Protein backbone atom coordinates (compact mmCIF):
# COMPACT_ATOMS: atom_id res chain seq x y z
CA MET A 1 0.20 0.01 -0.15
CA TYR A 2 1.44 3.54 -1.01
CA ILE A 3 0.49 6.20 1.54
CA THR A 4 0.92 9.99 0.66
CA ILE A 5 2.34 12.41 3.30
CA THR A 6 0.74 15.81 2.28
CA ASP A 7 2.36 17.98 4.94
CA ILE A 8 5.21 18.04 7.29
CA SER A 9 6.68 20.87 9.11
CA ASP A 10 9.87 22.38 8.77
CA TYR A 11 11.18 20.62 12.04
CA GLY A 12 9.86 17.15 10.95
CA ASN A 13 11.29 17.67 7.63
CA THR A 14 14.58 17.76 9.45
CA ILE A 15 14.65 14.93 11.63
CA LEU A 16 13.36 12.75 8.56
CA LYS A 17 16.23 14.26 6.61
CA ARG A 18 18.75 13.04 9.88
CA ASN A 19 17.27 9.79 11.15
CA LYS A 20 17.20 6.43 9.11
CA ASN A 21 15.52 4.39 11.77
CA ALA A 22 13.07 4.43 14.24
CA LYS A 23 10.40 2.47 16.00
CA VAL A 24 6.64 2.69 16.47
CA HIS A 25 6.24 4.34 19.92
CA SER A 26 2.30 4.41 20.03
CA VAL A 27 -0.74 4.04 18.17
CA TYR A 28 -4.22 5.79 18.78
CA GLN A 29 -7.33 6.05 16.38
CA LYS A 30 -6.04 8.65 14.04
CA THR A 31 -2.61 8.77 14.84
CA ILE A 32 0.94 6.58 14.75
CA ASN A 33 3.56 8.05 16.92
CA LEU A 34 7.44 7.27 15.61
CA GLN A 35 10.22 7.41 18.17
CA PHE A 36 13.45 8.94 16.37
CA ASP A 37 16.06 9.01 19.23
CA ASN A 38 15.02 11.59 21.53
CA THR A 39 12.08 13.06 19.76
CA LEU A 40 8.52 11.79 18.27
CA LEU A 41 6.96 12.31 14.83
CA ALA A 42 3.14 11.56 14.35
CA ILE A 43 1.49 9.97 11.22
CA GLN A 44 -2.11 11.42 11.42
CA ALA A 45 -5.02 11.44 9.49
CA GLN A 46 -5.88 14.09 6.74
CA GLN A 47 -7.21 17.32 8.19
CA SER A 48 -5.41 17.02 11.54
CA VAL A 49 -4.00 20.24 12.73
CA LEU A 50 -0.48 20.89 11.82
CA SER A 51 2.28 20.56 14.43
CA PRO A 52 5.96 20.63 14.74
CA LEU A 53 5.59 16.69 14.94
CA SER A 54 3.01 16.11 12.21
CA LEU A 55 3.29 13.79 9.38
CA ILE A 56 -0.17 13.96 7.66
CA THR A 57 -1.45 11.68 5.31
CA ASN A 58 -4.20 11.08 2.91
CA LEU A 59 -5.99 8.64 5.01
CA GLU A 60 -9.10 9.08 7.07
CA GLY A 61 -8.97 8.33 10.65
CA ALA A 62 -10.18 4.85 10.58
CA GLU A 63 -7.89 4.07 7.84
CA ILE A 64 -4.98 4.65 9.76
CA SER A 65 -6.56 2.22 12.72
CA ARG A 66 -6.75 -0.25 10.02
CA LEU A 67 -3.11 -0.49 8.85
CA GLY A 68 -2.29 -3.06 11.33
CA ILE A 69 0.66 -1.18 12.60
CA GLN A 70 1.68 -2.06 16.32
CA PRO A 71 4.21 -0.51 19.05
CA GLY A 72 7.26 -1.77 19.27
CA MET A 73 7.57 -2.34 15.21
CA THR A 74 10.82 -0.93 13.85
CA VAL A 75 10.61 2.00 10.74
CA SER A 76 13.25 2.84 8.29
CA VAL A 77 13.48 5.91 6.28
CA ALA A 78 15.23 5.76 2.76
CA GLY A 79 15.25 8.68 0.54
CA SER A 80 11.51 10.21 0.58
CA SER A 81 9.96 6.81 1.88
CA ILE A 82 8.76 5.69 5.64
CA SER A 83 8.30 1.98 5.73
CA VAL A 84 7.43 -0.36 8.25
CA ARG A 85 9.61 -3.52 8.30
CA GLN A 86 6.96 -5.72 9.54
CA ILE A 87 4.34 -5.00 7.08
CA GLN A 88 5.40 -5.37 3.31
CA ASP A 89 4.25 -3.51 0.78
CA LEU A 90 3.58 -0.25 3.18
CA GLU A 91 5.09 2.71 2.33
CA PHE A 92 4.80 6.19 3.38
CA SER A 93 5.84 8.60 0.87
CA PHE A 94 6.89 12.11 1.84
CA SER A 95 8.41 13.13 -1.32
CA ASN A 96 5.82 15.86 -2.63
CA ALA A 97 4.75 16.57 1.03
CA LEU A 98 4.08 20.76 1.49
CA ILE A 99 6.58 21.87 3.92
CA THR A 100 5.44 24.30 6.26
CA SER A 101 7.58 26.57 8.42
CA LEU A 102 6.46 26.41 12.36
CA SER A 103 9.04 28.56 13.45
CA LEU A 104 7.77 31.29 15.61
CA PRO A 105 9.13 34.65 14.92
CA ASP A 106 11.12 36.14 17.88
CA THR A 107 9.89 39.68 17.52
CA ASP A 108 7.09 41.87 18.55
CA CYS A 109 5.05 41.74 15.02
CA PHE A 110 1.80 40.41 16.14
CA GLY A 111 0.04 43.77 16.50
CA THR A 112 -1.45 45.79 19.42
CA HIS A 113 -4.73 44.29 19.57
CA LEU A 114 -4.14 40.61 19.53
CA THR A 115 -4.40 40.41 23.44
CA LYS A 116 -8.12 41.50 22.96
CA ARG A 117 -8.71 39.27 20.50
CA ILE A 118 -7.56 36.50 22.38
CA GLU A 119 -9.54 37.38 25.57
CA LYS A 120 -12.84 37.17 23.49
CA ALA A 121 -11.77 34.06 22.02
CA LEU A 122 -11.09 32.23 25.47
CA ASP A 123 -14.68 34.13 26.77
CA LEU A 124 -16.64 32.56 23.57
CA SER A 125 -14.99 29.11 24.30
CA ASP A 126 -16.77 26.36 26.42
CA GLY A 127 -14.09 26.83 29.32
CA ASN A 128 -12.07 23.65 29.08
CA GLY A 129 -8.96 22.93 30.74
CA PHE A 130 -7.45 26.05 31.91
CA SER A 131 -9.18 28.52 29.96
CA ALA A 132 -11.78 28.85 32.38
CA LEU A 133 -9.18 30.88 34.54
CA PHE A 134 -9.48 33.44 31.48
CA GLN A 135 -12.85 33.84 31.19
CA ASN A 136 -14.42 37.12 32.63
CA ALA A 137 -17.22 35.21 33.94
CA ASN A 138 -15.34 33.34 36.34
CA ARG A 139 -13.19 35.98 37.40
CA HIS A 140 -14.07 35.98 41.08
CA GLN A 141 -15.48 32.71 41.07
CA PRO A 142 -14.22 29.69 43.25
CA PHE A 143 -12.90 26.78 41.37
CA GLN A 144 -13.70 23.27 42.55
CA ASP A 145 -11.10 21.29 40.40
CA PRO A 146 -8.17 21.22 42.37
CA VAL A 147 -5.85 21.07 39.41
CA ILE A 148 -7.28 24.33 38.51
CA GLN A 149 -6.92 25.65 41.94
CA TYR A 150 -3.33 24.76 42.03
CA ALA A 151 -2.56 26.15 38.76
CA SER A 152 -4.14 29.68 39.51
CA ARG A 153 -1.93 29.63 42.84
CA GLN A 154 1.06 28.93 40.65
CA MET A 155 0.00 31.61 37.81
CA ASP A 156 -0.82 34.19 40.62
CA ALA A 157 2.57 33.61 42.48
CA CYS A 158 4.46 33.73 39.45
CA ARG A 159 3.09 37.04 38.44
CA SER A 160 3.84 38.72 41.93
CA LEU A 161 7.35 37.41 41.54
CA CYS A 162 7.94 38.86 38.37
CA LEU A 163 6.70 42.13 39.36
CA THR A 164 9.38 42.13 41.83
CA GLY A 165 12.31 41.24 39.72
CA ALA A 166 12.58 37.54 41.02
CA TYR A 167 12.75 35.87 38.14
CA GLN A 168 14.50 32.91 39.19
CA ASN A 169 11.70 32.13 41.48
CA ALA A 170 9.09 33.01 39.02
CA ALA A 171 10.28 30.44 36.74
CA GLU A 172 10.55 28.09 39.14
CA THR A 173 7.06 28.78 40.39
CA LEU A 174 5.57 28.39 36.79
CA GLY A 175 7.43 25.51 36.30
CA ARG A 176 5.69 23.31 38.71
CA LEU A 177 2.95 23.12 36.28
CA ILE A 178 4.83 20.56 34.12
CA GLY A 179 3.19 17.28 33.90
CA LEU A 180 -0.18 18.74 35.41
CA GLY A 181 -3.27 17.25 34.78
CA ILE A 182 -4.36 14.33 32.52
CA GLY A 183 -4.14 13.11 29.03
CA LEU A 184 -1.71 12.58 26.12
CA THR A 185 -0.73 16.53 26.66
CA PRO A 186 -1.26 17.55 30.16
CA SER A 187 -2.81 20.87 30.45
CA GLY A 188 -0.01 22.71 32.47
CA ASP A 189 2.34 21.41 29.61
CA ASP A 190 -0.13 23.11 27.21
CA PHE A 191 -0.02 25.90 28.88
CA LEU A 192 3.60 26.61 29.34
CA CYS A 193 4.23 25.82 25.44
CA GLY A 194 2.00 29.09 25.07
CA VAL A 195 3.68 30.98 27.87
CA LEU A 196 6.85 30.15 25.55
CA ALA A 197 4.95 31.13 22.77
CA GLY A 198 3.78 34.56 24.14
CA LEU A 199 6.97 35.27 25.27
CA ARG A 200 8.12 35.30 21.63
CA ILE A 201 5.42 36.89 20.32
CA HIS A 202 5.77 40.10 22.50
CA GLY A 203 9.77 40.00 21.57
CA ARG A 204 10.43 39.00 25.14
CA ASN A 205 12.60 35.93 24.50
CA ASP A 206 15.89 37.10 25.32
CA THR A 207 15.02 38.28 29.05
CA CYS A 208 16.00 36.72 31.99
CA PHE A 209 12.61 35.30 32.66
CA TYR A 210 12.34 33.66 29.41
CA HIS A 211 15.89 31.75 29.68
CA THR A 212 15.05 30.87 33.20
CA LEU A 213 11.86 29.21 32.49
CA CYS A 214 13.56 27.52 29.42
CA THR A 215 16.00 26.14 31.71
CA GLU A 216 13.60 25.45 34.32
CA ILE A 217 11.23 23.18 31.74
CA GLN A 218 14.36 21.33 30.21
CA THR A 219 15.78 20.49 33.61
CA HIS A 220 12.27 18.86 34.25
CA LEU A 221 11.02 17.19 30.61
CA LYS A 222 11.35 14.00 32.57
CA ASP A 223 8.41 14.78 34.88
CA THR A 224 5.74 14.47 32.22
CA ASN A 225 5.00 12.12 29.12
CA ASP A 226 6.90 11.20 26.07
CA ILE A 227 4.27 12.82 23.64
CA SER A 228 4.16 15.84 26.08
CA ARG A 229 8.04 16.12 26.27
CA ALA A 230 8.26 16.31 22.45
CA PHE A 231 5.88 19.25 22.48
CA LEU A 232 7.48 21.21 25.28
CA ASP A 233 11.02 20.52 23.70
CA CYS A 234 10.04 21.86 20.36
CA ALA A 235 8.57 25.11 21.96
CA LEU A 236 11.91 25.22 23.78
CA LYS A 237 13.65 25.51 20.17
CA GLY A 238 10.74 27.93 18.88
CA TRP A 239 8.47 25.57 17.00
CA PHE A 240 4.86 25.74 17.55
CA SER A 241 1.64 24.06 15.98
CA LEU A 242 -0.14 25.94 12.93
CA PRO A 243 -2.82 27.94 15.24
CA VAL A 244 0.02 29.73 16.80
CA ILE A 245 1.94 30.59 13.87
CA ARG A 246 -1.39 32.01 12.05
CA LEU A 247 -1.77 34.21 15.28
CA LYS A 248 0.30 36.63 12.99
CA ASN A 249 -2.44 37.20 10.77
CA PRO A 250 -5.39 39.57 11.48
CA LEU A 251 -7.90 36.94 12.59
CA SER A 252 -11.16 37.56 14.25
CA PRO A 253 -11.85 36.17 18.19
CA GLU A 254 -14.26 33.49 16.24
CA GLU A 255 -11.14 32.32 13.51
CA ILE A 256 -8.64 32.09 16.58
CA LEU A 257 -11.18 30.04 18.64
CA ALA A 258 -12.17 27.81 15.54
CA ASP A 259 -8.23 27.40 15.15
CA PHE A 260 -7.26 26.43 18.84
CA SER A 261 -10.33 24.07 19.18
CA ARG A 262 -9.26 21.95 16.82
CA ILE A 263 -6.31 20.98 18.90
CA GLY A 264 -7.24 18.21 21.45
CA HIS A 265 -9.97 18.35 23.73
CA SER A 266 -8.44 21.16 25.63
CA SER A 267 -4.95 21.36 24.23
CA GLY A 268 -5.72 24.28 22.03
CA LEU A 269 -7.37 26.02 24.54
CA ASP A 270 -4.75 25.65 27.26
CA THR A 271 -1.99 26.71 24.90
CA LEU A 272 -3.99 30.04 24.13
CA SER A 273 -4.45 30.31 27.73
CA GLY A 274 -0.96 30.37 28.07
CA ILE A 275 -0.15 33.08 25.44
CA LEU A 276 -3.04 35.28 26.94
CA TYR A 277 -1.30 34.97 30.46
CA THR A 278 2.14 35.91 29.10
CA LEU A 279 0.49 38.87 26.93
CA SER A 280 -1.52 40.34 29.69
CA TYR A 281 0.13 39.65 33.04
CA ILE A 282 3.83 38.63 32.40
CA ALA A 283 5.42 40.40 29.23
CA ASP A 284 5.28 43.75 30.38
CA SER A 285 6.98 43.16 33.68
CA ILE A 286 10.05 41.53 32.56
């Protein structure tokens, strides 16, 4: 069976060109995760949101699950083809894949009204994950979820520490969100990806706080799962999913919400919350 990979990121293309061997890390309904040394790439169904890890195919989700690929199988990359050694006549070709740059610019070039549009987008959302903390209707409401309560305390403490210039303590405080929550990518990790994106969006990626936070996250990557670790590692290097990159366009709040809502159950909204947190509360005090 010949399967076309239609879209990959510049990061994914670099990994494929650099590696010849991999193994199947895990298999889900619409995704097959491949382990390349210390990172992952994800073979995904068509219409999936392009992330740094994505190898988007021309297959429907059900077709992905019927391929018979299992965790632990060995994978080879030769030229522009990916093959699974245990399954004959199965080949994924990326020879004609569209390569999209998902590297986020590191200067403040996203416009002055982005914060307001993100605020409105989160207000329009269903409040999954950490996004509930950033909805106007919940500003003064107590939260029963202990995960949300803990996250809120860490965010407030980080903000206060930044205002006093205690950037080391602030980074350590926010870094405690690593691995917080459940799912393939815990809410705390998605939020931190958003924080890193927000700092780059605001041109604050050459500050003491940014570098200290990166060090803190890098030091504690082992505290989360493999998939989330791969996304955090990409964020540390400046690669983010397409909806983050698209924020440089003059999108409406409704368009922003639609973009980020396509990422997981709450992952997109958690990431968007991290961006808003940075733009609203952190970037101007560091």
